[in-house]
Structures are given as C-alpha cells and as structure tokens.
C-alpha atoms as a PDB file:
ATOM      1  CA  UNK A   1     -10.991 -12.692  -6.118  1.00  0.00           C
ATOM      2  CA  UNK A   2     -10.395  -8.962  -5.931  1.00  0.00           C
ATOM      3  CA  UNK A   3     -12.940  -6.466  -7.211  1.00  0.00           C
ATOM      4  CA  UNK A   4     -10.491  -4.912  -9.683  1.00  0.00           C
ATOM      5  CA  UNK A   5      -7.903  -7.571 -10.564  1.00  0.00           C
ATOM      6  CA  UNK A   6      -6.061  -5.420 -13.133  1.00  0.00           C
ATOM      7  CA  UNK A   7      -5.158  -2.651 -10.680  1.00  0.00           C
ATOM      8  CA  UNK A   8      -1.420  -2.454 -10.200  1.00  0.00           C
ATOM      9  CA  UNK A   9      -0.405  -2.469  -6.508  1.00  0.00           C
ATOM     10  CA  UNK A  10       0.922   0.757  -5.051  1.00  0.00           C
ATOM     11  CA  UNK A  11      -0.937   3.195  -7.302  1.00  0.00           C
ATOM     12  CA  UNK A  12      -1.716   6.572  -5.777  1.00  0.00           C
ATOM     13  CA  UNK A  13      -4.711   8.695  -6.638  1.00  0.00           C
ATOM     14  CA  UNK A  14      -2.536  11.659  -7.559  1.00  0.00           C
ATOM     15  CA  UNK A  15       0.770  11.121  -9.302  1.00  0.00           C
ATOM     16  CA  UNK A  16       3.794  12.650  -7.570  1.00  0.00           C
ATOM     17  CA  UNK A  17       5.027  15.420  -9.878  1.00  0.00           C
ATOM     18  CA  UNK A  18       8.622  16.224 -10.688  1.00  0.00           C
ATOM     19  CA  UNK A  19      10.586  17.709 -13.561  1.00  0.00           C
ATOM     20  CA  UNK A  20      12.478  14.433 -13.810  1.00  0.00           C
ATOM     21  CA  UNK A  21      11.621  10.745 -13.813  1.00  0.00           C
ATOM     22  CA  UNK A  22      10.569   9.557 -10.357  1.00  0.00           C
ATOM     23  CA  UNK A  23      10.661   6.190  -8.640  1.00  0.00           C
ATOM     24  CA  UNK A  24       6.870   6.166  -8.906  1.00  0.00           C
ATOM     25  CA  UNK A  25       7.132   6.698 -12.677  1.00  0.00           C
ATOM     26  CA  UNK A  26       9.532   3.779 -13.019  1.00  0.00           C
ATOM     27  CA  UNK A  27       7.393   1.511 -10.843  1.00  0.00           C
ATOM     28  CA  UNK A  28       4.193   2.298 -12.746  1.00  0.00           C
ATOM     29  CA  UNK A  29       5.458   2.680 -16.299  1.00  0.00           C
ATOM     30  CA  UNK A  30       3.190  -0.166 -17.422  1.00  0.00           C
ATOM     31  CA  UNK A  31       0.160   1.674 -16.058  1.00  0.00           C
ATOM     32  CA  UNK A  32       1.185   4.844 -17.899  1.00  0.00           C
ATOM     33  CA  UNK A  33       1.328   2.855 -21.128  1.00  0.00           C
ATOM     34  CA  UNK A  34      -2.128   1.464 -20.423  1.00  0.00           C
ATOM     35  CA  UNK A  35      -3.436   5.012 -19.934  1.00  0.00           C
ATOM     36  CA  UNK A  36      -1.900   6.150 -23.212  1.00  0.00           C
ATOM     37  CA  UNK A  37      -3.381   3.164 -25.064  1.00  0.00           C
ATOM     38  CA  UNK A  38      -6.798   3.719 -23.510  1.00  0.00           C
ATOM     39  CA  UNK A  39      -6.698   7.402 -24.377  1.00  0.00           C
ATOM     40  CA  UNK A  40      -5.732   6.599 -27.968  1.00  0.00           C
ATOM     41  CA  UNK A  41      -8.762   4.291 -28.082  1.00  0.00           C
ATOM     42  CA  UNK A  42     -10.968   7.147 -26.815  1.00  0.00           C
ATOM     43  CA  UNK A  43     -11.712   5.529 -23.468  1.00  0.00           C
ATOM     44  CA  UNK A  44     -13.473   7.795 -21.009  1.00  0.00           C
ATOM     45  CA  UNK A  45     -11.902   8.897 -17.758  1.00  0.00           C
ATOM     46  CA  UNK A  46     -14.561   6.847 -15.993  1.00  0.00           C
ATOM     47  CA  UNK A  47     -13.479   3.699 -17.834  1.00  0.00           C
ATOM     48  CA  UNK A  48      -9.796   4.350 -17.197  1.00  0.00           C
ATOM     49  CA  UNK A  49     -10.371   5.065 -13.513  1.00  0.00           C
ATOM     50  CA  UNK A  50     -12.378   1.903 -13.007  1.00  0.00           C
ATOM     51  CA  UNK A  51     -10.231  -0.509 -14.990  1.00  0.00           C
ATOM     52  CA  UNK A  52      -6.768   0.809 -14.161  1.00  0.00           C
ATOM     53  CA  UNK A  53      -7.227   2.447 -10.778  1.00  0.00           C
ATOM     54  CA  UNK A  54     -10.139   0.520  -9.291  1.00  0.00           C
ATOM     55  CA  UNK A  55     -12.221   3.644  -8.689  1.00  0.00           C
ATOM     56  CA  UNK A  56     -15.952   3.428  -9.344  1.00  0.00           C
ATOM     57  CA  UNK A  57     -16.734   6.548 -11.357  1.00  0.00           C
ATOM     58  CA  UNK A  58     -20.469   6.179 -10.781  1.00  0.00           C
ATOM     59  CA  UNK A  59     -20.011   6.316  -7.024  1.00  0.00           C
ATOM     60  CA  UNK A  60     -17.147   8.834  -7.029  1.00  0.00           C
ATOM     61  CA  UNK A  61     -17.072  10.737 -10.331  1.00  0.00           C
ATOM     62  CA  UNK A  62     -14.826  13.615  -9.226  1.00  0.00           C
ATOM     63  CA  UNK A  63     -12.297  11.320  -7.535  1.00  0.00           C
ATOM     64  CA  UNK A  64     -12.233   9.071 -10.608  1.00  0.00           C
ATOM     65  CA  UNK A  65     -11.717  11.997 -12.990  1.00  0.00           C
ATOM     66  CA  UNK A  66      -8.926  13.551 -10.902  1.00  0.00           C
ATOM     67  CA  UNK A  67      -7.064  10.268 -10.471  1.00  0.00           C
ATOM     68  CA  UNK A  68      -7.321   9.253 -14.133  1.00  0.00           C
ATOM     69  CA  UNK A  69      -6.396  12.757 -15.327  1.00  0.00           C
ATOM     70  CA  UNK A  70      -3.379  12.828 -13.014  1.00  0.00           C
ATOM     71  CA  UNK A  71      -2.009   9.567 -14.425  1.00  0.00           C
ATOM     72  CA  UNK A  72      -2.776  10.432 -18.037  1.00  0.00           C
ATOM     73  CA  UNK A  73      -1.160  13.857 -17.694  1.00  0.00           C
ATOM     74  CA  UNK A  74       1.977  12.312 -16.247  1.00  0.00           C
ATOM     75  CA  UNK A  75       2.035   9.604 -18.923  1.00  0.00           C
ATOM     76  CA  UNK A  76       1.901  12.264 -21.609  1.00  0.00           C
END
C-alpha cells in the first residue's frame, strides 16, 4: 500500500504556467477540482499538500506550501 494512495500519478510540484490550457491542466483537471473543493472547505495548504500531493507539510513546510499554492492558483 502506498503512503499517499489519493495522489494522482504524474503531478509536479510546480504547475507549468501558460496563458492557455495545457496538457498538464487537462491531465490533472480532477486534482484542480479537488483543490478548489478543499479551499472552499477552508482546508489548509498543509492538508491539501499532504492529501493531494503526498507532501508532508510537517517535514517540508515550504515545499508543501509552494506546491499546494501553485496548484490552487492554477485551478483558480
């Protein structure tokens, strides 16, 4: 059993940015929706990073924040 079973394969720590929809966006649309739902439920960046990205925010708080913020910004 994997440590973080809900992490979608192929996720990057920083979302590739573009003015238009990217292949990465299309491949990880479900994850973006999860970020938007979590944000609407007032989940912390630490929670989002751990559950959706598999990053332990206690061990790596800055990495977790940057990765979660990157995905949430792109989702928005």
